[in-house]
C-alpha atoms as a PDB file:
ATOM      1  CA  LEU A   1     139.288 105.694 140.905  1.00  0.00           C
ATOM      2  CA  ILE A   2     135.980 107.359 140.061  1.00  0.00           C
ATOM      3  CA  LEU A   3     136.249 111.113 139.515  1.00  0.00           C
ATOM      4  CA  PRO A   4     132.713 112.522 139.351  1.00  0.00           C
ATOM      5  CA  SER A   5     133.646 116.201 139.674  1.00  0.00           C
ATOM      6  CA  ILE A   6     136.076 116.822 136.812  1.00  0.00           C
ATOM      7  CA  ASN A   7     135.044 119.169 134.017  1.00  0.00           C
ATOM      8  CA  GLN A   8     137.602 118.313 131.326  1.00  0.00           C
ATOM      9  CA  PRO A   9     140.086 115.514 130.461  1.00  0.00           C
ATOM     10  CA  SER A  10     143.112 117.606 131.442  1.00  0.00           C
ATOM     11  CA  GLU A  11     141.971 117.458 135.073  1.00  0.00           C
ATOM     12  CA  ALA A  12     142.078 113.647 134.970  1.00  0.00           C
ATOM     13  CA  ALA A  13     145.577 113.888 133.499  1.00  0.00           C
ATOM     14  CA  LEU A  14     146.724 116.144 136.357  1.00  0.00           C
ATOM     15  CA  ILE A  15     145.380 113.676 138.937  1.00  0.00           C
ATOM     16  CA  ALA A  16     147.126 110.791 137.133  1.00  0.00           C
ATOM     17  CA  GLU A  17     150.412 112.724 137.220  1.00  0.00           C
ATOM     18  CA  ARG A  18     149.983 113.366 140.963  1.00  0.00           C
ATOM     19  CA  ILE A  19     149.416 109.642 141.569  1.00  0.00           C
ATOM     20  CA  LEU A  20     152.537 108.744 139.585  1.00  0.00           C
ATOM     21  CA  ARG A  21     154.661 111.266 141.492  1.00  0.00           C
ATOM     22  CA  THR A  22     153.358 110.007 144.830  1.00  0.00           C
ATOM     23  CA  LEU A  23     154.047 106.357 144.022  1.00  0.00           C
ATOM     24  CA  GLN A  24     157.599 107.179 142.938  1.00  0.00           C
ATOM     25  CA  GLN A  25     158.424 107.724 146.614  1.00  0.00           C
ATOM     26  CA  PRO A  26     159.871 104.539 148.202  1.00  0.00           C
ATOM     27  CA  PHE A  27     157.792 102.516 150.655  1.00  0.00           C
ATOM     28  CA  GLN A  28     159.720 101.597 153.801  1.00  0.00           C
ATOM     29  CA  ILE A  29     158.857  97.996 154.769  1.00  0.00           C
ATOM     30  CA  GLY A  30     160.959  97.082 157.788  1.00  0.00           C
ATOM     31  CA  ALA A  31     164.584  97.314 156.705  1.00  0.00           C
ATOM     32  CA  HIS A  32     163.675  97.376 153.027  1.00  0.00           C
ATOM     33  CA  SER A  33     162.984 100.339 150.799  1.00  0.00           C
ATOM     34  CA  LEU A  34     160.602  99.317 147.992  1.00  0.00           C
ATOM     35  CA  VAL A  35     159.667 101.238 144.858  1.00  0.00           C
ATOM     36  CA  VAL A  36     156.388 100.429 143.103  1.00  0.00           C
ATOM     37  CA  GLY A  37     155.700 101.264 139.468  1.00  0.00           C
ATOM     38  CA  CYS A  38     152.294 102.371 138.245  1.00  0.00           C
ATOM     39  CA  SER A  39     150.529 102.397 134.874  1.00  0.00           C
ATOM     40  CA  ILE A  40     147.213 104.234 134.567  1.00  0.00           C
ATOM     41  CA  GLY A  41     144.413 103.980 132.007  1.00  0.00           C
ATOM     42  CA  ILE A  42     141.689 106.633 131.776  1.00  0.00           C
ATOM     43  CA  SER A  43     138.227 106.417 130.218  1.00  0.00           C
ATOM     44  CA  LEU A  44     135.698 109.264 130.097  1.00  0.00           C
ATOM     45  CA  MET A  45     131.928 109.213 130.385  1.00  0.00           C
ATOM     46  CA  PRO A  46     129.906 109.370 128.163  1.00  0.00           C
ATOM     47  CA  ASP A  47     132.309 109.281 125.193  1.00  0.00           C
ATOM     48  CA  ASP A  48     133.996 106.011 126.238  1.00  0.00           C
ATOM     49  CA  GLY A  49     130.967 104.303 127.770  1.00  0.00           C
ATOM     50  CA  SER A  50     127.683 105.034 129.524  1.00  0.00           C
ATOM     51  CA  ASP A  51     127.873 102.228 132.120  1.00  0.00           C
ATOM     52  CA  ILE A  52     130.464 101.169 134.665  1.00  0.00           C
ATOM     53  CA  GLN A  53     131.336  97.931 132.869  1.00  0.00           C
ATOM     54  CA  SER A  54     132.222  99.715 129.602  1.00  0.00           C
ATOM     55  CA  LEU A  55     134.186 102.414 131.416  1.00  0.00           C
ATOM     56  CA  LEU A  56     136.200  99.874 133.404  1.00  0.00           C
ATOM     57  CA  MET A  57     136.885  97.726 130.349  1.00  0.00           C
ATOM     58  CA  ASN A  58     138.104 100.698 128.313  1.00  0.00           C
ATOM     59  CA  ALA A  59     140.185 102.104 131.174  1.00  0.00           C
ATOM     60  CA  ASP A  60     141.753  98.674 131.560  1.00  0.00           C
ATOM     61  CA  LEU A  61     142.592  98.608 127.854  1.00  0.00           C
ATOM     62  CA  ALA A  62     144.155 102.067 128.114  1.00  0.00           C
ATOM     63  CA  MET A  63     146.194 100.890 131.112  1.00  0.00           C
ATOM     64  CA  TYR A  64     147.729  98.077 129.052  1.00  0.00           C
ATOM     65  CA  HIS A  65     148.670 100.612 126.406  1.00  0.00           C
ATOM     66  CA  ALA A  66     150.407 102.624 129.134  1.00  0.00           C
ATOM     67  CA  LYS A  67     152.344  99.505 130.114  1.00  0.00           C
ATOM     68  CA  ALA A  68     153.260  98.865 126.489  1.00  0.00           C
ATOM     69  CA  HIS A  69     154.635 102.400 126.143  1.00  0.00           C
ATOM     70  CA  GLY A  70     157.239 102.244 128.866  1.00  0.00           C
ATOM     71  CA  ARG A  71     155.214 101.888 132.101  1.00  0.00           C
ATOM     72  CA  ASN A  72     154.998 104.516 134.852  1.00  0.00           C
ATOM     73  CA  THR A  73     152.800 106.652 132.627  1.00  0.00           C
ATOM     74  CA  PHE A  74     149.118 107.094 131.736  1.00  0.00           C
ATOM     75  CA  ARG A  75     147.025 106.797 128.599  1.00  0.00           C
ATOM     76  CA  PHE A  76     143.521 107.910 127.646  1.00  0.00           C
ATOM     77  CA  TYR A  77     141.290 105.380 125.951  1.00  0.00           C
ATOM     78  CA  THR A  78     140.815 105.797 122.204  1.00  0.00           C
ATOM     79  CA  ARG A  79     138.628 103.884 119.777  1.00  0.00           C
ATOM     80  CA  GLU A  80     141.751 102.929 117.834  1.00  0.00           C
ATOM     81  CA  MET A  81     142.761 100.764 120.801  1.00  0.00           C
ATOM     82  CA  ASN A  82     139.826  98.435 120.124  1.00  0.00           C
ATOM     83  CA  THR A  83     140.932  98.145 116.515  1.00  0.00           C
ATOM     84  CA  GLN A  84     144.465  97.303 117.587  1.00  0.00           C
ATOM     85  CA  VAL A  85     143.236  94.671 120.050  1.00  0.00           C
ATOM     86  CA  ALA A  86     141.051  93.102 117.369  1.00  0.00           C
ATOM     87  CA  GLU A  87     143.999  93.014 114.959  1.00  0.00           C
ATOM     88  CA  ARG A  88     146.257  91.389 117.570  1.00  0.00           C
ATOM     89  CA  LEU A  89     143.608  88.813 118.424  1.00  0.00           C
ATOM     90  CA  LEU A  90     143.224  88.004 114.733  1.00  0.00           C
ATOM     91  CA  MET A  91     147.002  87.721 114.362  1.00  0.00           C
ATOM     92  CA  GLU A  92     147.174  85.411 117.393  1.00  0.00           C
ATOM     93  CA  ASN A  93     144.494  83.109 115.986  1.00  0.00           C
ATOM     94  CA  ARG A  94     146.149  83.088 112.557  1.00  0.00           C
ATOM     95  CA  LEU A  95     149.507  82.280 114.126  1.00  0.00           C
ATOM     96  CA  ARG A  96     148.089  79.375 116.129  1.00  0.00           C
ATOM     97  CA  ARG A  97     146.555  78.008 112.952  1.00  0.00           C
ATOM     98  CA  ALA A  98     149.798  78.549 111.018  1.00  0.00           C
ATOM     99  CA  MET A  99     151.667  76.447 113.571  1.00  0.00           C
ATOM    100  CA  GLU A 100     149.086  73.675 113.254  1.00  0.00           C
ATOM    101  CA  LEU A 101     149.044  73.694 109.439  1.00  0.00           C
ATOM    102  CA  GLY A 102     152.799  73.938 108.893  1.00  0.00           C
ATOM    103  CA  GLN A 103     152.799  77.382 107.287  1.00  0.00           C
ATOM    104  CA  LEU A 104     156.028  78.338 109.069  1.00  0.00           C
ATOM    105  CA  TYR A 105     159.467  77.640 107.655  1.00  0.00           C
ATOM    106  CA  LEU A 106     163.105  78.627 108.076  1.00  0.00           C
ATOM    107  CA  VAL A 107     165.499  80.463 105.812  1.00  0.00           C
ATOM    108  CA  TYR A 108     169.237  80.637 106.438  1.00  0.00           C
ATOM    109  CA  GLN A 109     171.485  83.697 106.180  1.00  0.00           C
ATOM    110  CA  PRO A 110     175.121  82.754 105.477  1.00  0.00           C
ATOM    111  CA  GLN A 111     177.887  83.952 107.786  1.00  0.00           C
ATOM    112  CA  TYR A 112     181.383  84.389 106.353  1.00  0.00           C
ATOM    113  CA  ASP A 113     184.851  85.230 107.535  1.00  0.00           C
ATOM    114  CA  MET A 114     185.786  88.861 106.957  1.00  0.00           C
ATOM    115  CA  ALA A 115     187.583  88.084 103.731  1.00  0.00           C
ATOM    116  CA  GLY A 116     184.369  86.624 102.364  1.00  0.00           C
ATOM    117  CA  GLN A 117     186.088  83.380 101.402  1.00  0.00           C
ATOM    118  CA  ARG A 118     185.111  80.912 104.128  1.00  0.00           C
ATOM    119  CA  LEU A 119     181.532  80.039 105.021  1.00  0.00           C
ATOM    120  CA  LEU A 120     181.431  79.787 108.814  1.00  0.00           C
ATOM    121  CA  GLY A 121     177.779  79.058 109.432  1.00  0.00           C
ATOM    122  CA  CYS A 122     174.324  80.532 109.033  1.00  0.00           C
ATOM    123  CA  GLU A 123     171.558  82.111 111.061  1.00  0.00           C
ATOM    124  CA  ALA A 124     168.158  80.403 111.012  1.00  0.00           C
ATOM    125  CA  LEU A 125     165.402  82.970 110.438  1.00  0.00           C
ATOM    126  CA  LEU A 126     161.690  82.287 110.816  1.00  0.00           C
ATOM    127  CA  ARG A 127     159.227  83.047 108.016  1.00  0.00           C
ATOM    128  CA  TRP A 128     155.442  82.657 107.697  1.00  0.00           C
ATOM    129  CA  ARG A 129     153.670  82.121 104.390  1.00  0.00           C
ATOM    130  CA  ASP A 130     149.968  82.857 104.966  1.00  0.00           C
ATOM    131  CA  PRO A 131     147.609  81.653 102.191  1.00  0.00           C
ATOM    132  CA  GLU A 132     145.636  84.921 102.332  1.00  0.00           C
ATOM    133  CA  GLN A 133     148.187  87.597 103.274  1.00  0.00           C
ATOM    134  CA  GLY A 134     151.258  86.058 101.678  1.00  0.00           C
ATOM    135  CA  LEU A 135     154.651  86.420 103.362  1.00  0.00           C
ATOM    136  CA  ILE A 136     154.400  87.743 106.928  1.00  0.00           C
ATOM    137  CA  MET A 137     157.725  88.884 108.399  1.00  0.00           C
ATOM    138  CA  PRO A 138     158.708  88.208 112.031  1.00  0.00           C
ATOM    139  CA  GLY A 139     158.403  91.872 113.002  1.00  0.00           C
ATOM    140  CA  ARG A 140     154.625  91.523 112.699  1.00  0.00           C
ATOM    141  CA  PHE A 141     154.021  88.243 114.511  1.00  0.00           C
ATOM    142  CA  ILE A 142     156.898  87.760 116.976  1.00  0.00           C
ATOM    143  CA  PRO A 143     155.633  90.530 119.342  1.00  0.00           C
ATOM    144  CA  VAL A 144     152.230  88.792 119.388  1.00  0.00           C
ATOM    145  CA  ALA A 145     153.926  85.457 120.094  1.00  0.00           C
ATOM    146  CA  GLU A 146     155.876  87.080 122.945  1.00  0.00           C
ATOM    147  CA  ASP A 147     152.756  88.610 124.520  1.00  0.00           C
ATOM    148  CA  THR A 148     150.644  85.459 124.287  1.00  0.00           C
ATOM    149  CA  GLY A 149     153.250  82.878 125.298  1.00  0.00           C
ATOM    150  CA  LEU A 150     153.201  81.297 121.842  1.00  0.00           C
ATOM    151  CA  ILE A 151     156.896  82.139 121.591  1.00  0.00           C
ATOM    152  CA  VAL A 152     157.695  79.073 123.722  1.00  0.00           C
ATOM    153  CA  PRO A 153     156.256  76.359 121.412  1.00  0.00           C
ATOM    154  CA  LEU A 154     157.270  78.480 118.406  1.00  0.00           C
ATOM    155  CA  GLY A 155     160.852  78.746 119.637  1.00  0.00           C
ATOM    156  CA  ARG A 156     160.922  75.038 120.414  1.00  0.00           C
ATOM    157  CA  TRP A 157     159.849  74.291 116.822  1.00  0.00           C
ATOM    158  CA  VAL A 158     162.550  76.596 115.392  1.00  0.00           C
ATOM    159  CA  LEU A 159     165.228  74.983 117.561  1.00  0.00           C
ATOM    160  CA  ASN A 160     164.198  71.481 116.567  1.00  0.00           C
ATOM    161  CA  GLU A 161     163.893  72.332 112.865  1.00  0.00           C
ATOM    162  CA  ALA A 162     167.301  74.062 112.788  1.00  0.00           C
ATOM    163  CA  CYS A 163     168.939  71.062 114.467  1.00  0.00           C
ATOM    164  CA  ARG A 164     167.231  68.709 112.022  1.00  0.00           C
ATOM    165  CA  GLN A 165     168.552  70.662 109.071  1.00  0.00           C
ATOM    166  CA  ALA A 166     172.067  70.981 110.480  1.00  0.00           C
ATOM    167  CA  SER A 167     172.120  67.226 111.086  1.00  0.00           C
ATOM    168  CA  ARG A 168     171.009  66.534 107.513  1.00  0.00           C
ATOM    169  CA  TRP A 169     173.812  68.738 106.152  1.00  0.00           C
ATOM    170  CA  LEU A 170     176.263  66.872 108.360  1.00  0.00           C
ATOM    171  CA  GLU A 171     175.024  63.475 107.112  1.00  0.00           C
ATOM    172  CA  ASP A 172     175.306  64.656 103.505  1.00  0.00           C
ATOM    173  CA  GLY A 173     178.940  65.584 104.023  1.00  0.00           C
ATOM    174  CA  LEU A 174     178.278  69.317 103.848  1.00  0.00           C
ATOM    175  CA  GLY A 175     179.430  70.113 107.372  1.00  0.00           C
ATOM    176  CA  PRO A 176     180.103  70.468 110.114  1.00  0.00           C
ATOM    177  CA  ILE A 177     178.265  73.757 109.752  1.00  0.00           C
ATOM    178  CA  ARG A 178     177.197  75.971 112.631  1.00  0.00           C
ATOM    179  CA  VAL A 179     173.535  77.032 112.699  1.00  0.00           C
ATOM    180  CA  ALA A 180     172.536  79.964 114.923  1.00  0.00           C
ATOM    181  CA  VAL A 181     169.073  80.097 116.503  1.00  0.00           C
ATOM    182  CA  ASN A 182     167.529  83.135 118.204  1.00  0.00           C
ATOM    183  CA  VAL A 183     166.286  82.598 121.759  1.00  0.00           C
ATOM    184  CA  SER A 184     163.769  84.858 123.532  1.00  0.00           C
ATOM    185  CA  ALA A 185     163.749  85.761 127.208  1.00  0.00           C
ATOM    186  CA  HIS A 186     160.547  83.717 127.665  1.00  0.00           C
ATOM    187  CA  GLN A 187     162.415  80.617 126.512  1.00  0.00           C
ATOM    188  CA  LEU A 188     165.677  81.188 128.347  1.00  0.00           C
ATOM    189  CA  MET A 189     163.947  81.834 131.676  1.00  0.00           C
ATOM    190  CA  ARG A 190     162.079  78.513 131.590  1.00  0.00           C
ATOM    191  CA  HIS A 191     163.783  75.654 133.407  1.00  0.00           C
ATOM    192  CA  ASP A 192     162.637  73.177 130.752  1.00  0.00           C
ATOM    193  CA  PHE A 193     164.536  75.121 128.078  1.00  0.00           C
ATOM    194  CA  LEU A 194     167.626  73.066 128.948  1.00  0.00           C
ATOM    195  CA  ASP A 195     165.623  69.932 128.166  1.00  0.00           C
ATOM    196  CA  ASP A 196     164.502  71.444 124.858  1.00  0.00           C
ATOM    197  CA  VAL A 197     168.114  72.037 123.790  1.00  0.00           C
ATOM    198  CA  ARG A 198     169.314  68.650 125.000  1.00  0.00           C
ATOM    199  CA  GLU A 199     166.447  66.779 123.319  1.00  0.00           C
ATOM    200  CA  ALA A 200     166.891  68.619 120.008  1.00  0.00           C
ATOM    201  CA  LEU A 201     170.589  67.694 119.898  1.00  0.00           C
ATOM    202  CA  GLN A 202     170.003  64.087 120.922  1.00  0.00           C
ATOM    203  CA  GLN A 203     167.013  63.497 118.649  1.00  0.00           C
ATOM    204  CA  HIS A 204     168.948  64.601 115.562  1.00  0.00           C
ATOM    205  CA  LYS A 205     172.334  63.275 116.723  1.00  0.00           C
ATOM    206  CA  LEU A 206     173.824  66.743 116.296  1.00  0.00           C
ATOM    207  CA  PRO A 207     177.126  67.642 118.001  1.00  0.00           C
ATOM    208  CA  GLY A 208     176.751  70.628 120.316  1.00  0.00           C
ATOM    209  CA  HIS A 209     179.350  72.716 118.463  1.00  0.00           C
ATOM    210  CA  CYS A 210     177.094  72.755 115.375  1.00  0.00           C
ATOM    211  CA  LEU A 211     174.477  74.787 117.279  1.00  0.00           C
ATOM    212  CA  GLU A 212     174.770  78.410 118.365  1.00  0.00           C
ATOM    213  CA  LEU A 213     172.181  80.184 120.490  1.00  0.00           C
ATOM    214  CA  GLU A 214     171.726  83.916 119.940  1.00  0.00           C
ATOM    215  CA  VAL A 215     170.434  85.999 122.826  1.00  0.00           C
ATOM    216  CA  THR A 216     170.085  89.772 123.098  1.00  0.00           C
ATOM    217  CA  GLU A 217     171.508  91.861 125.910  1.00  0.00           C
ATOM    218  CA  SER A 218     167.997  92.596 127.195  1.00  0.00           C
ATOM    219  CA  THR A 219     167.258  88.858 127.295  1.00  0.00           C
ATOM    220  CA  LEU A 220     170.316  88.214 129.437  1.00  0.00           C
ATOM    221  CA  MET A 221     169.431  91.058 131.795  1.00  0.00           C
ATOM    222  CA  ALA A 222     165.821  89.936 132.326  1.00  0.00           C
ATOM    223  CA  ASP A 223     167.147  87.676 135.103  1.00  0.00           C
ATOM    224  CA  ALA A 224     170.932  87.728 135.006  1.00  0.00           C
ATOM    225  CA  ASP A 225     171.435  85.064 137.686  1.00  0.00           C
ATOM    226  CA  LEU A 226     169.085  82.548 136.098  1.00  0.00           C
ATOM    227  CA  ALA A 227     170.415  83.306 132.607  1.00  0.00           C
ATOM    228  CA  SER A 228     173.966  82.718 133.823  1.00  0.00           C
ATOM    229  CA  ARG A 229     173.062  79.325 135.296  1.00  0.00           C
ATOM    230  CA  GLN A 230     171.083  78.255 132.228  1.00  0.00           C
ATOM    231  CA  LEU A 231     173.835  79.261 129.810  1.00  0.00           C
ATOM    232  CA  ALA A 232     176.544  77.540 131.853  1.00  0.00           C
ATOM    233  CA  VAL A 233     174.691  74.222 131.435  1.00  0.00           C
ATOM    234  CA  ILE A 234     174.103  74.862 127.741  1.00  0.00           C
ATOM    235  CA  LYS A 235     177.764  75.687 127.116  1.00  0.00           C
ATOM    236  CA  ALA A 236     178.701  72.471 128.920  1.00  0.00           C
ATOM    237  CA  MET A 237     176.808  70.660 126.131  1.00  0.00           C
ATOM    238  CA  GLY A 238     179.271  72.190 123.668  1.00  0.00           C
ATOM    239  CA  VAL A 239     176.704  74.656 122.329  1.00  0.00           C
ATOM    240  CA  ARG A 240     178.064  78.049 121.351  1.00  0.00           C
ATOM    241  CA  LEU A 241     176.637  81.359 122.583  1.00  0.00           C
ATOM    242  CA  SER A 242     176.443  84.702 120.811  1.00  0.00           C
ATOM    243  CA  VAL A 243     175.162  88.041 122.098  1.00  0.00           C
ATOM    244  CA  ASP A 244     173.010  89.697 119.454  1.00  0.00           C
ATOM    245  CA  ASP A 245     172.515  93.452 118.878  1.00  0.00           C
ATOM    246  CA  PHE A 246     175.494  94.295 121.066  1.00  0.00           C
ATOM    247  CA  GLY A 247     175.848  97.999 121.755  1.00  0.00           C
ATOM    248  CA  THR A 248     172.125  98.790 121.649  1.00  0.00           C
ATOM    249  CA  GLY A 249     171.250  97.719 125.203  1.00  0.00           C
ATOM    250  CA  TYR A 250     173.074  97.576 128.522  1.00  0.00           C
ATOM    251  CA  SER A 251     176.538  96.820 127.103  1.00  0.00           C
ATOM    252  CA  SER A 252     177.779  96.081 130.617  1.00  0.00           C
ATOM    253  CA  LEU A 253     181.398  94.972 130.594  1.00  0.00           C
ATOM    254  CA  ALA A 254     180.948  93.059 133.834  1.00  0.00           C
ATOM    255  CA  TYR A 255     178.040  91.071 132.433  1.00  0.00           C
ATOM    256  CA  LEU A 256     179.811  90.471 129.138  1.00  0.00           C
ATOM    257  CA  LYS A 257     182.660  88.872 131.076  1.00  0.00           C
ATOM    258  CA  ARG A 258     180.217  86.942 133.244  1.00  0.00           C
ATOM    259  CA  PHE A 259     178.234  85.403 130.383  1.00  0.00           C
ATOM    260  CA  ALA A 260     181.394  84.820 128.318  1.00  0.00           C
ATOM    261  CA  PRO A 261     179.785  84.478 124.877  1.00  0.00           C
ATOM    262  CA  ASP A 262     181.784  82.937 122.058  1.00  0.00           C
ATOM    263  CA  THR A 263     180.677  85.655 119.642  1.00  0.00           C
ATOM    264  CA  VAL A 264     179.646  89.287 119.983  1.00  0.00           C
ATOM    265  CA  LYS A 265     177.382  90.389 117.128  1.00  0.00           C
ATOM    266  CA  ILE A 266     177.680  94.086 116.280  1.00  0.00           C
ATOM    267  CA  ASP A 267     174.276  95.557 115.538  1.00  0.00           C
ATOM    268  CA  ARG A 268     173.573  96.693 111.973  1.00  0.00           C
ATOM    269  CA  SER A 269     172.678 100.195 113.192  1.00  0.00           C
ATOM    270  CA  PHE A 270     176.409 100.775 113.780  1.00  0.00           C
ATOM    271  CA  ILE A 271     177.375  99.285 110.411  1.00  0.00           C
ATOM    272  CA  ASN A 272     174.973 101.168 108.116  1.00  0.00           C
ATOM    273  CA  ASP A 273     176.966 104.397 107.731  1.00  0.00           C
ATOM    274  CA  LEU A 274     180.485 102.976 107.917  1.00  0.00           C
ATOM    275  CA  PRO A 275     183.119 104.038 107.218  1.00  0.00           C
ATOM    276  CA  SER A 276     181.996 107.681 106.961  1.00  0.00           C
ATOM    277  CA  ASP A 277     180.293 107.936 110.373  1.00  0.00           C
ATOM    278  CA  GLU A 278     183.148 108.645 112.788  1.00  0.00           C
ATOM    279  CA  GLU A 279     181.100 108.018 115.958  1.00  0.00           C
ATOM    280  CA  ASN A 280     179.866 104.623 114.769  1.00  0.00           C
ATOM    281  CA  ALA A 281     183.385 103.785 113.608  1.00  0.00           C
ATOM    282  CA  ALA A 282     184.692 104.521 117.100  1.00  0.00           C
ATOM    283  CA  ILE A 283     181.963 102.378 118.702  1.00  0.00           C
ATOM    284  CA  VAL A 284     182.619  99.426 116.373  1.00  0.00           C
ATOM    285  CA  SER A 285     186.364  99.710 116.943  1.00  0.00           C
ATOM    286  CA  ALA A 286     185.837  99.673 120.713  1.00  0.00           C
ATOM    287  CA  ILE A 287     183.560  96.602 120.529  1.00  0.00           C
ATOM    288  CA  VAL A 288     186.035  94.716 118.323  1.00  0.00           C
ATOM    289  CA  HIS A 289     188.992  95.437 120.598  1.00  0.00           C
ATOM    290  CA  LEU A 290     187.002  94.710 123.771  1.00  0.00           C
ATOM    291  CA  ALA A 291     185.795  91.354 122.465  1.00  0.00           C
ATOM    292  CA  GLY A 292     189.295  90.466 121.286  1.00  0.00           C
ATOM    293  CA  ALA A 293     190.759  91.268 124.705  1.00  0.00           C
ATOM    294  CA  LEU A 294     188.191  88.937 126.313  1.00  0.00           C
ATOM    295  CA  GLY A 295     188.894  86.127 123.835  1.00  0.00           C
ATOM    296  CA  MET A 296     185.601  86.518 121.972  1.00  0.00           C
ATOM    297  CA  GLN A 297     184.956  86.710 118.239  1.00  0.00           C
ATOM    298  CA  THR A 298     183.081  89.581 116.597  1.00  0.00           C
ATOM    299  CA  LEU A 299     180.547  89.312 113.783  1.00  0.00           C
ATOM    300  CA  ALA A 300     179.142  92.362 111.992  1.00  0.00           C
ATOM    301  CA  GLU A 301     175.479  92.283 110.939  1.00  0.00           C
ATOM    302  CA  GLY A 302     174.037  94.017 107.908  1.00  0.00           C
ATOM    303  CA  VAL A 303     177.208  94.332 105.814  1.00  0.00           C
ATOM    304  CA  GLU A 304     176.061  95.541 102.393  1.00  0.00           C
ATOM    305  CA  SER A 305     179.081  97.152 100.720  1.00  0.00           C
ATOM    306  CA  GLU A 306     182.717  96.387 100.010  1.00  0.00           C
ATOM    307  CA  ALA A 307     183.660  99.643 101.740  1.00  0.00           C
ATOM    308  CA  GLN A 308     182.043  98.401 104.950  1.00  0.00           C
ATOM    309  CA  GLN A 309     183.714  95.016 104.566  1.00  0.00           C
ATOM    310  CA  GLY A 310     187.163  96.537 104.023  1.00  0.00           C
ATOM    311  CA  PHE A 311     186.809  98.902 106.970  1.00  0.00           C
ATOM    312  CA  LEU A 312     185.640  96.151 109.334  1.00  0.00           C
ATOM    313  CA  LYS A 313     188.461  93.894 108.209  1.00  0.00           C
ATOM    314  CA  GLN A 314     190.936  96.682 108.924  1.00  0.00           C
ATOM    315  CA  LEU A 315     189.514  97.056 112.437  1.00  0.00           C
ATOM    316  CA  GLY A 316     190.008  93.347 113.096  1.00  0.00           C
ATOM    317  CA  CYS A 317     186.382  92.169 112.980  1.00  0.00           C
ATOM    318  CA  GLU A 318     186.464  88.437 112.208  1.00  0.00           C
ATOM    319  CA  ALA A 319     183.117  87.615 110.584  1.00  0.00           C
ATOM    320  CA  MET A 320     180.095  89.124 108.885  1.00  0.00           C
ATOM    321  CA  GLN A 321     176.637  88.514 107.517  1.00  0.00           C
ATOM    322  CA  GLY A 322     174.594  90.689 105.228  1.00  0.00           C
ATOM    323  CA  TYR A 323     173.379  91.200 101.698  1.00  0.00           C
ATOM    324  CA  LEU A 324     176.911  91.767 100.341  1.00  0.00           C
ATOM    325  CA  LEU A 325     177.638  88.033 100.500  1.00  0.00           C
ATOM    326  CA  GLY A 326     174.242  86.480 100.985  1.00  0.00           C
ATOM    327  CA  SER A 327     170.602  87.261 101.630  1.00  0.00           C
ATOM    328  CA  PRO A 328     168.571  84.698 103.609  1.00  0.00           C
ATOM    329  CA  LEU A 329     168.376  81.487 101.568  1.00  0.00           C
ATOM    330  CA  ALA A 330     165.764  78.759 101.375  1.00  0.00           C
ATOM    331  CA  GLU A 331     166.813  75.279 102.459  1.00  0.00           C
ATOM    332  CA  ASP A 332     167.687  74.102  98.935  1.00  0.00           C
ATOM    333  CA  ALA A 333     169.623  77.252  98.075  1.00  0.00           C
ATOM    334  CA  MET A 334     171.600  77.067 101.330  1.00  0.00           C
ATOM    335  CA  THR A 335     172.392  73.416 100.589  1.00  0.00           C
ATOM    336  CA  GLN A 336     173.765  74.441  97.182  1.00  0.00           C
ATOM    337  CA  ARG A 337     175.833  77.181  98.803  1.00  0.00           C
ATOM    338  CA  LEU A 338     177.311  74.644 101.229  1.00  0.00           C
ATOM    339  CA  ALA A 339     178.060  72.199  98.411  1.00  0.00           C
ATOM    340  CA  ALA A 340     179.897  74.921  96.466  1.00  0.00           C
ATOM    341  CA  GLN A 341     181.866  75.815  99.580  1.00  0.00           C
ATOM    342  CA  GLN A 342     182.672  72.175 100.260  1.00  0.00           C
ATOM    343  CA  ASN A 343     184.372  71.939  96.883  1.00  0.00           C
ATOM    344  CA  LYS A 344     186.746  74.697  97.980  1.00  0.00           C
ATOM    345  CA  GLN A 345     187.583  73.837 101.583  1.00  0.00           C
ATOM    346  CA  PRO A 346     186.072  72.475 104.838  1.00  0.00           C
ATOM    347  CA  ALA A 347     183.337  74.796 106.107  1.00  0.00           C
ATOM    348  CA  LEU A 348     184.139  74.779 109.827  1.00  0.00           C
ATOM    349  CA  ALA A 349     186.402  72.813 112.140  1.00  0.00           C
ATOM    350  CA  PRO A 350     184.779  71.655 115.385  1.00  0.00           C
END
């Protein structure tokens, strides 16, 4: 839309709000009632450009910011947006190069039974060591990988590398040990993801029960029907399934029963203030009892104190991970941890 008669930015905002309200009304197409979302970007002349090409480009950039901030809203263009785009483009190029040059690696966070005596498995976590910027944590580059589609080859590499390492531990007599790998919605919704899992297991001769796939509630809900079909095939391979960050998303009981995960991971945001926070204590107790009633195990994330451990054990939570018993370990350190555990007792029965 070109608005040649407005006198101040607030008038453009009022028009954008009117458009949003109008489009919220359903469109009746035959027997179907359809609702269309709308994201709007606004650029102003002459501050944001003196020609139509610049104005359109900047309005388009502002529109994508509106989409990134929840959709069905509007955003004005700002110069900071160009800076952010440049930074993301630089991060994307660096990430592509990091994948080519082998700058990515995995660390492994141990997972224990609630008593802290038996090592049950570990979660594979991705790290990036950039020669210029040093250690770059996933929170900075995973969103870029998601937006650009790089998450698919990146996730495939993580899956393959985790299976390779689990197989090596098994060959060295340090297993069987279960390794958990995070899976994004972009991966799970691809039909060739089943081939990725199957090939990773076969290539490294790894039994399915030594691999666990972690998916978030939002990932499952992106396309519940397709996710259900994909996961049914994966579970038929013997691979375990865990739902990550449970309690922070939809937390639908019907879908929890439908997907039937082996493990429900309780998000660290509910663990942080235990046992003093009565509301979080009630939520954790409800999750533990619900999972138990459905025949699922519970694992608490982010356990950092003995008080938290004791309280969770009292509630009946079966497993935990966190800095109390182990920060993420490099490959060699995790191997040593497994060797020490092996001297005590078998790590995990199939």
